[in-house]
């Protein structure tokens, strides 16, 4: 893999990880603020939402990696 493709893949990894962290924090905070339960309950209640977001980030990263390696130089 060329240096340019490696740089693009690292940039995509950075943004996808940042997106996941923002989604995780926002969902957990939102559930925690509007319920009277503890933080562990908020994390478990938000799992379907941020679990799907995490899975989509991983799928997007794998697809982008495949696309970069398939594209002719």
PDB file of N, CA and C in Angstrom:
ATOM      1  N   UNK A   1       0.852  -1.176   0.000  1.00  0.00           N
ATOM      2  CA  UNK A   1       0.000   0.000   0.000  1.00  0.00           C
ATOM      3  C   UNK A   1       0.895   1.236   0.000  1.00  0.00           C
ATOM      4  N   UNK A   2       0.535   2.195  -0.826  1.00  0.00           N
ATOM      5  CA  UNK A   2       1.339   3.409  -0.944  1.00  0.00           C
ATOM      6  C   UNK A   2       1.162   4.297   0.289  1.00  0.00           C
ATOM      7  N   UNK A   3       2.067   5.262   0.393  1.00  0.00           N
ATOM      8  CA  UNK A   3       2.010   6.192   1.527  1.00  0.00           C
ATOM      9  C   UNK A   3       0.717   7.011   1.519  1.00  0.00           C
ATOM     10  N   UNK A   4       0.273   7.390   0.334  1.00  0.00           N
ATOM     11  CA  UNK A   4      -0.965   8.183   0.227  1.00  0.00           C
ATOM     12  C   UNK A   4      -2.178   7.374   0.689  1.00  0.00           C
ATOM     13  N   UNK A   5      -2.247   6.116   0.290  1.00  0.00           N
ATOM     14  CA  UNK A   5      -3.364   5.267   0.706  1.00  0.00           C
ATOM     15  C   UNK A   5      -3.325   5.007   2.205  1.00  0.00           C
ATOM     16  N   UNK A   6      -2.132   4.825   2.749  1.00  0.00           N
ATOM     17  CA  UNK A   6      -1.999   4.634   4.199  1.00  0.00           C
ATOM     18  C   UNK A   6      -2.451   5.879   4.947  1.00  0.00           C
ATOM     19  N   UNK A   7      -2.081   7.049   4.421  1.00  0.00           N
ATOM     20  CA  UNK A   7      -2.496   8.308   5.057  1.00  0.00           C
ATOM     21  C   UNK A   7      -4.013   8.461   5.019  1.00  0.00           C
ATOM     22  N   UNK A   8      -4.621   8.139   3.880  1.00  0.00           N
ATOM     23  CA  UNK A   8      -6.078   8.235   3.755  1.00  0.00           C
ATOM     24  C   UNK A   8      -6.780   7.252   4.686  1.00  0.00           C
ATOM     25  N   UNK A   9      -6.251   6.043   4.803  1.00  0.00           N
ATOM     26  CA  UNK A   9      -6.853   5.045   5.678  1.00  0.00           C
ATOM     27  C   UNK A   9      -6.736   5.449   7.149  1.00  0.00           C
ATOM     28  N   UNK A  10      -5.592   6.019   7.536  1.00  0.00           N
ATOM     29  CA  UNK A  10      -5.428   6.499   8.911  1.00  0.00           C
ATOM     30  C   UNK A  10      -6.359   7.671   9.213  1.00  0.00           C
ATOM     31  N   UNK A  11      -6.554   8.538   8.233  1.00  0.00           N
ATOM     32  CA  UNK A  11      -7.478   9.660   8.412  1.00  0.00           C
ATOM     33  C   UNK A  11      -8.907   9.164   8.580  1.00  0.00           C
ATOM     34  N   UNK A  12      -9.294   8.174   7.787  1.00  0.00           N
ATOM     35  CA  UNK A  12     -10.641   7.599   7.917  1.00  0.00           C
ATOM     36  C   UNK A  12     -10.804   6.930   9.274  1.00  0.00           C
ATOM     37  N   UNK A  13      -9.790   6.226   9.750  1.00  0.00           N
ATOM     38  CA  UNK A  13      -9.845   5.587  11.063  1.00  0.00           C
ATOM     39  C   UNK A  13     -10.039   6.629  12.164  1.00  0.00           C
ATOM     40  N   UNK A  14      -9.312   7.736  12.072  1.00  0.00           N
ATOM     41  CA  UNK A  14      -9.439   8.812  13.051  1.00  0.00           C
ATOM     42  C   UNK A  14     -10.868   9.356  13.099  1.00  0.00           C
ATOM     43  N   UNK A  15     -11.454   9.663  11.931  1.00  0.00           N
ATOM     44  CA  UNK A  15     -12.787  10.246  11.892  1.00  0.00           C
ATOM     45  C   UNK A  15     -13.868   9.254  12.293  1.00  0.00           C
ATOM     46  N   UNK A  16     -13.722   7.998  11.919  1.00  0.00           N
ATOM     47  CA  UNK A  16     -14.722   7.013  12.318  1.00  0.00           C
ATOM     48  C   UNK A  16     -14.680   6.754  13.823  1.00  0.00           C
ATOM     49  N   UNK A  17     -13.486   6.695  14.393  1.00  0.00           N
ATOM     50  CA  UNK A  17     -13.380   6.522  15.839  1.00  0.00           C
ATOM     51  C   UNK A  17     -13.957   7.732  16.563  1.00  0.00           C
ATOM     52  N   UNK A  18     -13.653   8.925  16.080  1.00  0.00           N
ATOM     53  CA  UNK A  18     -14.213  10.144  16.671  1.00  0.00           C
ATOM     54  C   UNK A  18     -15.725  10.181  16.571  1.00  0.00           C
ATOM     55  N   UNK A  19     -16.260   9.759  15.441  1.00  0.00           N
ATOM     56  CA  UNK A  19     -17.711   9.702  15.273  1.00  0.00           C
ATOM     57  C   UNK A  19     -18.337   8.743  16.267  1.00  0.00           C
ATOM     58  N   UNK A  20     -17.727   7.576  16.434  1.00  0.00           N
ATOM     59  CA  UNK A  20     -18.251   6.609  17.386  1.00  0.00           C
ATOM     60  C   UNK A  20     -18.218   7.156  18.815  1.00  0.00           C
ATOM     61  N   UNK A  21     -17.144   7.788  19.200  1.00  0.00           N
ATOM     62  CA  UNK A  21     -17.038   8.342  20.557  1.00  0.00           C
ATOM     63  C   UNK A  21     -18.091   9.422  20.780  1.00  0.00           C
ATOM     64  N   UNK A  22     -18.314  10.271  19.799  1.00  0.00           N
ATOM     65  CA  UNK A  22     -19.328  11.321  19.930  1.00  0.00           C
ATOM     66  C   UNK A  22     -20.719  10.706  20.058  1.00  0.00           C
ATOM     67  N   UNK A  23     -21.025   9.709  19.232  1.00  0.00           N
ATOM     68  CA  UNK A  23     -22.333   9.037  19.308  1.00  0.00           C
ATOM     69  C   UNK A  23     -22.492   8.363  20.662  1.00  0.00           C
ATOM     70  N   UNK A  24     -21.465   7.654  21.123  1.00  0.00           N
ATOM     71  CA  UNK A  24     -21.534   6.960  22.413  1.00  0.00           C
ATOM     72  C   UNK A  24     -21.781   7.954  23.554  1.00  0.00           C
ATOM     73  N   UNK A  25     -21.020   9.043  23.569  1.00  0.00           N
ATOM     74  CA  UNK A  25     -21.161  10.022  24.649  1.00  0.00           C
ATOM     75  C   UNK A  25     -22.520  10.719  24.591  1.00  0.00           C
ATOM     76  N   UNK A  26     -22.956  11.085  23.407  1.00  0.00           N
ATOM     77  CA  UNK A  26     -24.232  11.800  23.286  1.00  0.00           C
ATOM     78  C   UNK A  26     -25.405  10.916  23.702  1.00  0.00           C
ATOM     79  N   UNK A  27     -25.428   9.683  23.259  1.00  0.00           N
ATOM     80  CA  UNK A  27     -26.524   8.780  23.602  1.00  0.00           C
ATOM     81  C   UNK A  27     -26.517   8.471  25.095  1.00  0.00           C
ATOM     82  N   UNK A  28     -25.351   8.179  25.636  1.00  0.00           N
ATOM     83  CA  UNK A  28     -25.266   7.865  27.069  1.00  0.00           C
ATOM     84  C   UNK A  28     -25.664   9.070  27.917  1.00  0.00           C
ATOM     85  N   UNK A  29     -25.205  10.245  27.531  1.00  0.00           N
ATOM     86  CA  UNK A  29     -25.564  11.460  28.265  1.00  0.00           C
ATOM     87  C   UNK A  29     -27.053  11.745  28.161  1.00  0.00           C
ATOM     88  N   UNK A  30     -27.611  11.613  26.979  1.00  0.00           N
ATOM     89  CA  UNK A  30     -29.034  11.868  26.775  1.00  0.00           C
ATOM     90  C   UNK A  30     -29.882  10.914  27.618  1.00  0.00           C
ATOM     91  N   UNK A  31     -29.557   9.630  27.593  1.00  0.00           N
ATOM     92  CA  UNK A  31     -30.307   8.658  28.392  1.00  0.00           C
ATOM     93  C   UNK A  31     -30.102   8.920  29.880  1.00  0.00           C
ATOM     94  N   UNK A  32     -28.872   9.247  30.257  1.00  0.00           N
ATOM     95  CA  UNK A  32     -28.580   9.517  31.667  1.00  0.00           C
ATOM     96  C   UNK A  32     -29.274  10.758  32.200  1.00  0.00           C
ATOM     97  N   UNK A  33     -29.419  11.772  31.373  1.00  0.00           N
ATOM     98  CA  UNK A  33     -30.057  13.007  31.827  1.00  0.00           C
ATOM     99  C   UNK A  33     -31.567  12.871  31.998  1.00  0.00           C
ATOM    100  N   UNK A  34     -32.186  12.066  31.153  1.00  0.00           N
ATOM    101  CA  UNK A  34     -33.637  12.011  31.167  1.00  0.00           C
ATOM    102  C   UNK A  34     -34.217  10.771  31.828  1.00  0.00           C
ATOM    103  N   UNK A  35     -33.398  10.039  32.551  1.00  0.00           N
ATOM    104  CA  UNK A  35     -33.879   8.920  33.370  1.00  0.00           C
ATOM    105  C   UNK A  35     -33.298   9.073  34.769  1.00  0.00           C
ATOM    106  N   UNK A  36     -33.885   8.394  35.714  1.00  0.00           N
ATOM    107  CA  UNK A  36     -33.396   8.481  37.088  1.00  0.00           C
ATOM    108  C   UNK A  36     -32.573   7.264  37.467  1.00  0.00           C
ATOM    109  N   UNK A  37     -31.884   6.679  36.497  1.00  0.00           N
ATOM    110  CA  UNK A  37     -31.063   5.500  36.756  1.00  0.00           C
ATOM    111  C   UNK A  37     -29.589   5.874  36.762  1.00  0.00           C
ATOM    112  N   UNK A  38     -28.741   4.912  37.115  1.00  0.00           N
ATOM    113  CA  UNK A  38     -27.306   5.175  37.181  1.00  0.00           C
ATOM    114  C   UNK A  38     -26.671   5.118  35.791  1.00  0.00           C
ATOM    115  N   UNK A  39     -25.382   5.424  35.736  1.00  0.00           N
ATOM    116  CA  UNK A  39     -24.680   5.504  34.460  1.00  0.00           C
ATOM    117  C   UNK A  39     -24.557   4.143  33.784  1.00  0.00           C
ATOM    118  N   UNK A  40     -24.419   3.065  34.553  1.00  0.00           N
ATOM    119  CA  UNK A  40     -24.291   1.733  33.956  1.00  0.00           C
ATOM    120  C   UNK A  40     -25.588   1.355  33.236  1.00  0.00           C
ATOM    121  N   UNK A  41     -26.727   1.730  33.790  1.00  0.00           N
ATOM    122  CA  UNK A  41     -28.000   1.466  33.132  1.00  0.00           C
ATOM    123  C   UNK A  41     -28.099   2.263  31.836  1.00  0.00           C
ATOM    124  N   UNK A  42     -27.595   3.494  31.848  1.00  0.00           N
ATOM    125  CA  UNK A  42     -27.630   4.322  30.641  1.00  0.00           C
ATOM    126  C   UNK A  42     -26.768   3.721  29.533  1.00  0.00           C
ATOM    127  N   UNK A  43     -25.627   3.162  29.885  1.00  0.00           N
ATOM    128  CA  UNK A  43     -24.768   2.512  28.892  1.00  0.00           C
ATOM    129  C   UNK A  43     -25.459   1.283  28.320  1.00  0.00           C
ATOM    130  N   UNK A  44     -26.048   0.470  29.183  1.00  0.00           N
ATOM    131  CA  UNK A  44     -26.736  -0.735  28.698  1.00  0.00           C
ATOM    132  C   UNK A  44     -27.969  -0.379  27.866  1.00  0.00           C
ATOM    133  N   UNK A  45     -28.688   0.653  28.243  1.00  0.00           N
ATOM    134  CA  UNK A  45     -29.885   1.049  27.493  1.00  0.00           C
ATOM    135  C   UNK A  45     -29.521   1.619  26.126  1.00  0.00           C
ATOM    136  N   UNK A  46     -28.375   2.254  26.020  1.00  0.00           N
ATOM    137  CA  UNK A  46     -27.953   2.830  24.750  1.00  0.00           C
ATOM    138  C   UNK A  46     -27.215   1.864  23.846  1.00  0.00           C
ATOM    139  N   UNK A  47     -26.981   0.644  24.311  1.00  0.00           N
ATOM    140  CA  UNK A  47     -26.214  -0.317  23.524  1.00  0.00           C
ATOM    141  C   UNK A  47     -26.769  -0.558  22.119  1.00  0.00           C
ATOM    142  N   UNK A  48     -28.078  -0.724  21.942  1.00  0.00           N
ATOM    143  CA  UNK A  48     -28.549  -0.941  20.562  1.00  0.00           C
ATOM    144  C   UNK A  48     -28.192   0.211  19.618  1.00  0.00           C
ATOM    145  N   UNK A  49     -28.226   1.428  20.110  1.00  0.00           N
ATOM    146  CA  UNK A  49     -27.947   2.579  19.251  1.00  0.00           C
ATOM    147  C   UNK A  49     -26.456   2.687  18.972  1.00  0.00           C
ATOM    148  N   UNK A  50     -25.641   2.726  20.021  1.00  0.00           N
ATOM    149  CA  UNK A  50     -24.220   2.886  19.763  1.00  0.00           C
ATOM    150  C   UNK A  50     -23.573   1.590  19.303  1.00  0.00           C
ATOM    151  N   UNK A  51     -24.218   0.461  19.553  1.00  0.00           N
ATOM    152  CA  UNK A  51     -23.720  -0.798  18.997  1.00  0.00           C
ATOM    153  C   UNK A  51     -23.868  -0.811  17.486  1.00  0.00           C
ATOM    154  N   UNK A  52     -25.006  -0.332  16.996  1.00  0.00           N
ATOM    155  CA  UNK A  52     -25.221  -0.232  15.553  1.00  0.00           C
ATOM    156  C   UNK A  52     -24.262   0.797  14.950  1.00  0.00           C
ATOM    157  N   UNK A  53     -24.072   1.910  15.632  1.00  0.00           N
ATOM    158  CA  UNK A  53     -23.143   2.929  15.129  1.00  0.00           C
ATOM    159  C   UNK A  53     -21.722   2.376  15.060  1.00  0.00           C
ATOM    160  N   UNK A  54     -21.315   1.622  16.068  1.00  0.00           N
ATOM    161  CA  UNK A  54     -19.985   1.017  16.058  1.00  0.00           C
ATOM    162  C   UNK A  54     -19.833  -0.002  14.944  1.00  0.00           C
ATOM    163  N   UNK A  55     -20.848  -0.814  14.754  1.00  0.00           N
ATOM    164  CA  UNK A  55     -20.801  -1.809  13.676  1.00  0.00           C
ATOM    165  C   UNK A  55     -20.743  -1.123  12.310  1.00  0.00           C
ATOM    166  N   UNK A  56     -21.504  -0.058  12.142  1.00  0.00           N
ATOM    167  CA  UNK A  56     -21.471   0.672  10.867  1.00  0.00           C
ATOM    168  C   UNK A  56     -20.113   1.334  10.632  1.00  0.00           C
ATOM    169  N   UNK A  57     -19.490   1.835  11.688  1.00  0.00           N
ATOM    170  CA  UNK A  57     -18.151   2.419  11.542  1.00  0.00           C
ATOM    171  C   UNK A  57     -17.135   1.355  11.121  1.00  0.00           C
ATOM    172  N   UNK A  58     -17.224   0.177  11.710  1.00  0.00           N
ATOM    173  CA  UNK A  58     -16.309  -0.904  11.344  1.00  0.00           C
ATOM    174  C   UNK A  58     -16.544  -1.345   9.908  1.00  0.00           C
ATOM    175  N   UNK A  59     -17.803  -1.497   9.525  1.00  0.00           N
ATOM    176  CA  UNK A  59     -18.127  -1.893   8.148  1.00  0.00           C
ATOM    177  C   UNK A  59     -17.642  -0.833   7.164  1.00  0.00           C
ATOM    178  N   UNK A  60     -17.848   0.428   7.501  1.00  0.00           N
ATOM    179  CA  UNK A  60     -17.400   1.513   6.628  1.00  0.00           C
ATOM    180  C   UNK A  60     -15.883   1.491   6.486  1.00  0.00           C
ATOM    181  N   UNK A  61     -15.153   1.256   7.580  1.00  0.00           N
ATOM    182  CA  UNK A  61     -13.689   1.208   7.536  1.00  0.00           C
ATOM    183  C   UNK A  61     -13.207   0.042   6.673  1.00  0.00           C
ATOM    184  N   UNK A  62     -13.810  -1.118   6.835  1.00  0.00           N
ATOM    185  CA  UNK A  62     -13.423  -2.283   6.038  1.00  0.00           C
ATOM    186  C   UNK A  62     -13.733  -2.037   4.565  1.00  0.00           C
ATOM    187  N   UNK A  63     -14.902  -1.476   4.272  1.00  0.00           N
ATOM    188  CA  UNK A  63     -15.255  -1.163   2.894  1.00  0.00           C
ATOM    189  C   UNK A  63     -14.322  -0.140   2.268  1.00  0.00           C
ATOM    190  N   UNK A  64     -13.958   0.881   3.029  1.00  0.00           N
ATOM    191  CA  UNK A  64     -13.051   1.906   2.513  1.00  0.00           C
ATOM    192  C   UNK A  64     -11.666   1.325   2.276  1.00  0.00           C
ATOM    193  N   UNK A  65     -11.215   0.485   3.187  1.00  0.00           N
ATOM    194  CA  UNK A  65      -9.928  -0.177   3.017  1.00  0.00           C
ATOM    195  C   UNK A  65      -9.934  -1.046   1.764  1.00  0.00           C
ATOM    196  N   UNK A  66     -11.008  -1.780   1.558  1.00  0.00           N
ATOM    197  CA  UNK A  66     -11.127  -2.606   0.365  1.00  0.00           C
ATOM    198  C   UNK A  66     -11.133  -1.736  -0.890  1.00  0.00           C
ATOM    199  N   UNK A  67     -11.867  -0.627  -0.849  1.00  0.00           N
ATOM    200  CA  UNK A  67     -11.958   0.268  -1.993  1.00  0.00           C
ATOM    201  C   UNK A  67     -10.600   0.888  -2.327  1.00  0.00           C
ATOM    202  N   UNK A  68      -9.835   1.279  -1.294  1.00  0.00           N
ATOM    203  CA  UNK A  68      -8.511   1.853  -1.544  1.00  0.00           C
ATOM    204  C   UNK A  68      -7.578   0.827  -2.173  1.00  0.00           C
ATOM    205  N   UNK A  69      -7.631  -0.394  -1.717  1.00  0.00           N
ATOM    206  CA  UNK A  69      -6.740  -1.411  -2.261  1.00  0.00           C
ATOM    207  C   UNK A  69      -7.165  -1.870  -3.642  1.00  0.00           C
ATOM    208  N   UNK A  70      -8.432  -1.704  -4.002  1.00  0.00           N
ATOM    209  CA  UNK A  70      -8.954  -2.125  -5.301  1.00  0.00           C
ATOM    210  C   UNK A  70      -8.722  -1.067  -6.372  1.00  0.00           C
ATOM    211  N   UNK A  71      -8.666   0.181  -5.965  1.00  0.00           N
ATOM    212  CA  UNK A  71      -8.525   1.291  -6.899  1.00  0.00           C
ATOM    213  C   UNK A  71      -7.126   1.248  -7.539  1.00  0.00           C
ATOM    214  N   UNK A  72      -7.043   1.357  -8.880  1.00  0.00           N
ATOM    215  CA  UNK A  72      -5.714   1.350  -9.521  1.00  0.00           C
ATOM    216  C   UNK A  72      -4.928   2.604  -9.177  1.00  0.00           C
ATOM    217  N   UNK A  73      -3.633   2.451  -9.118  1.00  0.00           N
ATOM    218  CA  UNK A  73      -2.774   3.591  -8.753  1.00  0.00           C
ATOM    219  C   UNK A  73      -2.513   4.506  -9.899  1.00  0.00           C
TER     220      UNK A  73
END
